[in-house]
């Protein structure tokens, strides 16, 4: 998850009050990639970078805001809106868990 340097809701309030375009702020993708290099190397077998695709624009910056809503509740934890924004990323994971549970429950009832 891209970590930002400031508490996003506080920063957004100040910027919006002063008329800034909130869609134009974020952390440079290169900074995020550099910060995550070690973590990615350790977990590369398990790691999926899909959240970066949803939160970061190629060769640009990692968003703090989408549709005028803060994606983070502080500098590195997603807000409820941020979680909803990433819903498509998690849907297949939870669907597999649900299907596995149903299958195991079915198999268990046959014995």
Protein backbone atom coordinates (compact mmCIF):
# COMPACT_ATOMS: atom_id res chain seq x y z
CA UNK A 1 0.00 0.00 0.00
CA UNK A 2 1.57 3.33 -0.93
CA UNK A 3 2.48 5.21 2.24
CA UNK A 4 2.11 8.96 2.17
CA UNK A 5 4.11 11.47 4.16
CA UNK A 6 1.21 13.36 5.74
CA UNK A 7 -2.13 12.53 7.32
CA UNK A 8 -4.29 12.62 4.22
CA UNK A 9 -7.62 13.91 5.67
CA UNK A 10 -5.83 16.84 7.36
CA UNK A 11 -3.88 17.66 4.22
CA UNK A 12 -6.96 17.44 2.01
CA UNK A 13 -8.95 19.74 4.27
CA UNK A 14 -6.23 22.40 4.11
CA UNK A 15 -5.74 22.08 0.36
CA UNK A 16 -9.43 22.09 -0.45
CA UNK A 17 -9.94 25.15 1.76
CA UNK A 18 -7.28 26.93 -0.32
CA UNK A 19 -8.80 25.88 -3.67
CA UNK A 20 -6.34 23.18 -4.75
CA UNK A 21 -7.31 20.51 -7.25
CA UNK A 22 -7.31 17.43 -5.00
CA UNK A 23 -6.95 15.02 -7.93
CA UNK A 24 -3.49 16.41 -8.63
CA UNK A 25 -1.85 15.46 -5.34
CA UNK A 26 -0.13 12.26 -4.31
CA UNK A 27 3.22 10.58 -3.77
CA UNK A 28 5.48 9.97 -6.79
CA UNK A 29 5.28 6.36 -7.96
CA UNK A 30 9.08 6.17 -8.12
CA UNK A 31 9.32 6.97 -4.39
CA UNK A 32 6.78 4.25 -3.61
CA UNK A 33 8.63 1.71 -5.77
CA UNK A 34 11.96 2.52 -4.14
CA UNK A 35 10.49 2.29 -0.62
CA UNK A 36 8.89 -1.10 -1.40
CA UNK A 37 11.87 -2.68 -3.18
CA UNK A 38 13.02 -4.78 -0.21
CA UNK A 39 9.49 -5.88 0.80
CA UNK A 40 8.67 -6.86 -2.77
CA UNK A 41 11.86 -8.92 -3.06
CA UNK A 42 11.06 -10.84 0.15
CA UNK A 43 7.45 -11.57 -0.80
CA UNK A 44 7.73 -11.69 -4.59
CA UNK A 45 6.36 -15.25 -4.78
CA UNK A 46 3.16 -14.19 -3.00
CA UNK A 47 3.02 -10.52 -3.83
CA UNK A 48 0.53 -9.11 -6.30
CA UNK A 49 1.00 -5.51 -7.33
CA UNK A 50 -2.65 -4.97 -8.38
CA UNK A 51 -3.34 -2.42 -5.65
CA UNK A 52 -0.55 -0.25 -7.04
CA UNK A 53 -2.22 -0.34 -10.46
CA UNK A 54 -5.47 0.88 -8.92
CA UNK A 55 -3.89 3.53 -6.68
CA UNK A 56 -0.94 4.72 -8.76
CA UNK A 57 -0.86 6.11 -12.26
CA UNK A 58 2.01 4.79 -14.42
CA UNK A 59 5.06 7.08 -14.27
CA UNK A 60 3.12 9.59 -12.20
CA UNK A 61 1.95 9.51 -8.61
CA UNK A 62 0.02 7.43 -6.12
CA UNK A 63 -3.38 8.93 -5.45
CA UNK A 64 -4.54 10.27 -2.13
CA UNK A 65 -8.01 11.11 -3.46
CA UNK A 66 -10.50 9.55 -5.86
CA UNK A 67 -13.77 11.16 -6.86
CA UNK A 68 -13.19 13.90 -4.27
CA UNK A 69 -12.93 11.37 -1.40
CA UNK A 70 -9.86 10.60 0.74
CA UNK A 71 -8.49 7.11 0.06
CA UNK A 72 -6.60 7.08 3.38
CA UNK A 73 -7.65 7.74 6.97
CA UNK A 74 -4.08 8.69 7.92
CA UNK A 75 -0.76 8.38 6.07
CA UNK A 76 -0.87 4.64 5.32
CA UNK A 77 -4.25 3.09 6.29
CA UNK A 78 -7.09 3.05 3.82
CA UNK A 79 -10.31 4.87 4.63
CA UNK A 80 -13.65 3.16 4.18
CA UNK A 81 -13.87 4.84 0.79
CA UNK A 82 -10.35 3.57 -0.03
CA UNK A 83 -11.39 0.02 0.80
CA UNK A 84 -14.46 0.38 -1.40
CA UNK A 85 -12.25 1.78 -4.16
CA UNK A 86 -10.14 -1.42 -4.04
CA UNK A 87 -13.14 -3.76 -3.80
CA UNK A 88 -12.56 -5.19 -7.29
CA UNK A 89 -9.09 -6.30 -6.19
CA UNK A 90 -10.39 -8.32 -3.24
CA UNK A 91 -13.57 -9.74 -4.80
CA UNK A 92 -11.84 -12.77 -6.46
CA UNK A 93 -9.96 -13.61 -3.25
CA UNK A 94 -13.12 -13.65 -1.12
CA UNK A 95 -15.04 -15.52 -3.82
CA UNK A 96 -12.41 -18.28 -3.79
CA UNK A 97 -12.56 -18.50 0.01
CA UNK A 98 -16.35 -18.69 -0.11
CA UNK A 99 -16.29 -21.38 -2.83
CA UNK A 100 -13.69 -23.43 -0.94
CA UNK A 101 -15.78 -23.19 2.23
CA UNK A 102 -18.93 -24.32 0.43
CA UNK A 103 -17.06 -27.23 -1.20
CA UNK A 104 -15.51 -28.35 2.10
CA UNK A 105 -18.86 -28.10 3.84
CA UNK A 106 -20.45 -30.21 1.06
CA UNK A 107 -17.68 -32.85 1.25
CA UNK A 108 -17.91 -32.92 5.06
CA UNK A 109 -21.66 -33.57 4.99
CA UNK A 110 -21.21 -36.64 2.75
CA UNK A 111 -19.02 -38.53 5.22
